[in-house]
């Protein structure tokens, strides 16, 4: 599958629209942000590509699912 401009738009929308609690739960399975997920959230905001590259396969799958779910809920590009 090839990435499309819409996929990039959805990634950008997710990174901008996602709050710390949602981020901690969707990507790391944590019910509340802790020091670890707060650091990762800051990393995502300031160093997106490096943060994505650091994710293991399970967390990359969670990221893809979170982006797709938010795109469906928020009317983002499909």
C-alpha atoms as a PDB file:
ATOM      1  CA  UNK A   1       0.000   0.000   0.000  1.00  0.00           C
ATOM      2  CA  UNK A   2       1.208   3.452  -0.837  1.00  0.00           C
ATOM      3  CA  UNK A   3       0.927   6.422   1.450  1.00  0.00           C
ATOM      4  CA  UNK A   4      -1.231   9.209   0.101  1.00  0.00           C
ATOM      5  CA  UNK A   5      -1.374  12.939   0.790  1.00  0.00           C
ATOM      6  CA  UNK A   6      -4.562  12.213   2.764  1.00  0.00           C
ATOM      7  CA  UNK A   7      -2.604   9.831   5.003  1.00  0.00           C
ATOM      8  CA  UNK A   8      -0.142  12.608   5.759  1.00  0.00           C
ATOM      9  CA  UNK A   9      -2.977  15.049   6.423  1.00  0.00           C
ATOM     10  CA  UNK A  10      -4.530  12.578   8.862  1.00  0.00           C
ATOM     11  CA  UNK A  11      -1.196  12.096  10.634  1.00  0.00           C
ATOM     12  CA  UNK A  12      -0.818  15.856  10.985  1.00  0.00           C
ATOM     13  CA  UNK A  13      -4.405  16.265  12.240  1.00  0.00           C
ATOM     14  CA  UNK A  14      -3.886  13.468  14.786  1.00  0.00           C
ATOM     15  CA  UNK A  15      -0.678  15.002  16.135  1.00  0.00           C
ATOM     16  CA  UNK A  16      -2.315  18.428  16.463  1.00  0.00           C
ATOM     17  CA  UNK A  17      -5.687  17.280  17.857  1.00  0.00           C
ATOM     18  CA  UNK A  18      -4.547  14.606  20.318  1.00  0.00           C
ATOM     19  CA  UNK A  19      -4.323  15.522  24.006  1.00  0.00           C
ATOM     20  CA  UNK A  20      -1.956  13.925  26.526  1.00  0.00           C
ATOM     21  CA  UNK A  21      -4.536  11.584  28.097  1.00  0.00           C
ATOM     22  CA  UNK A  22      -5.694  10.324  24.705  1.00  0.00           C
ATOM     23  CA  UNK A  23      -2.090   9.910  23.553  1.00  0.00           C
ATOM     24  CA  UNK A  24      -1.089   7.929  26.661  1.00  0.00           C
ATOM     25  CA  UNK A  25      -4.055   5.582  26.327  1.00  0.00           C
ATOM     26  CA  UNK A  26      -4.111   5.094  22.553  1.00  0.00           C
ATOM     27  CA  UNK A  27      -0.383   4.626  21.985  1.00  0.00           C
ATOM     28  CA  UNK A  28       0.950   3.267  25.267  1.00  0.00           C
ATOM     29  CA  UNK A  29      -2.158   1.698  26.832  1.00  0.00           C
ATOM     30  CA  UNK A  30      -1.807   3.878  29.943  1.00  0.00           C
ATOM     31  CA  UNK A  31      -5.028   5.085  31.589  1.00  0.00           C
ATOM     32  CA  UNK A  32      -3.341   8.262  32.795  1.00  0.00           C
ATOM     33  CA  UNK A  33      -0.229  10.069  31.601  1.00  0.00           C
ATOM     34  CA  UNK A  34       2.850   9.362  33.666  1.00  0.00           C
ATOM     35  CA  UNK A  35       6.389  10.682  33.426  1.00  0.00           C
ATOM     36  CA  UNK A  36       7.227   8.215  30.637  1.00  0.00           C
ATOM     37  CA  UNK A  37       4.203   8.989  28.440  1.00  0.00           C
ATOM     38  CA  UNK A  38       4.545  12.724  29.104  1.00  0.00           C
ATOM     39  CA  UNK A  39       8.109  12.560  27.800  1.00  0.00           C
ATOM     40  CA  UNK A  40       6.961  10.606  24.752  1.00  0.00           C
ATOM     41  CA  UNK A  41       4.176  13.129  24.124  1.00  0.00           C
ATOM     42  CA  UNK A  42       6.699  15.971  24.137  1.00  0.00           C
ATOM     43  CA  UNK A  43       8.927  13.902  21.851  1.00  0.00           C
ATOM     44  CA  UNK A  44       5.984  13.387  19.466  1.00  0.00           C
ATOM     45  CA  UNK A  45       5.281  17.126  19.428  1.00  0.00           C
ATOM     46  CA  UNK A  46       8.886  18.239  18.905  1.00  0.00           C
ATOM     47  CA  UNK A  47      10.534  15.336  17.068  1.00  0.00           C
ATOM     48  CA  UNK A  48       7.738  13.502  15.241  1.00  0.00           C
ATOM     49  CA  UNK A  49       9.822  11.418  12.836  1.00  0.00           C
ATOM     50  CA  UNK A  50      12.274  10.392  15.550  1.00  0.00           C
ATOM     51  CA  UNK A  51       9.371   9.457  17.840  1.00  0.00           C
ATOM     52  CA  UNK A  52       7.651   7.352  15.158  1.00  0.00           C
ATOM     53  CA  UNK A  53      10.965   5.649  14.335  1.00  0.00           C
ATOM     54  CA  UNK A  54      11.377   4.717  18.015  1.00  0.00           C
ATOM     55  CA  UNK A  55       8.020   2.922  18.243  1.00  0.00           C
ATOM     56  CA  UNK A  56       8.005  -0.860  18.360  1.00  0.00           C
ATOM     57  CA  UNK A  57       5.682  -2.783  16.029  1.00  0.00           C
ATOM     58  CA  UNK A  58       2.861  -2.988  18.595  1.00  0.00           C
ATOM     59  CA  UNK A  59       2.891   0.750  19.240  1.00  0.00           C
ATOM     60  CA  UNK A  60       3.129   1.546  15.522  1.00  0.00           C
ATOM     61  CA  UNK A  61      -0.018  -0.531  15.023  1.00  0.00           C
ATOM     62  CA  UNK A  62      -1.679   1.421  17.843  1.00  0.00           C
ATOM     63  CA  UNK A  63      -0.638   4.687  16.193  1.00  0.00           C
ATOM     64  CA  UNK A  64      -2.077   3.643  12.824  1.00  0.00           C
ATOM     65  CA  UNK A  65      -5.329   2.544  14.482  1.00  0.00           C
ATOM     66  CA  UNK A  66      -5.563   5.804  16.477  1.00  0.00           C
ATOM     67  CA  UNK A  67      -5.050   7.899  13.339  1.00  0.00           C
ATOM     68  CA  UNK A  68      -7.614   5.887  11.382  1.00  0.00           C
ATOM     69  CA  UNK A  69     -10.144   5.971  14.227  1.00  0.00           C
ATOM     70  CA  UNK A  70      -9.769   9.718  14.630  1.00  0.00           C
ATOM     71  CA  UNK A  71     -10.074  10.212  10.872  1.00  0.00           C
ATOM     72  CA  UNK A  72     -13.361   8.294  10.921  1.00  0.00           C
ATOM     73  CA  UNK A  73     -14.709  10.205  13.954  1.00  0.00           C
ATOM     74  CA  UNK A  74     -13.529  13.623  12.856  1.00  0.00           C
ATOM     75  CA  UNK A  75     -14.316  13.506   9.179  1.00  0.00           C
ATOM     76  CA  UNK A  76     -10.702  13.606   8.101  1.00  0.00           C
ATOM     77  CA  UNK A  77      -9.624  12.392   4.714  1.00  0.00           C
ATOM     78  CA  UNK A  78     -10.185   8.763   3.795  1.00  0.00           C
END
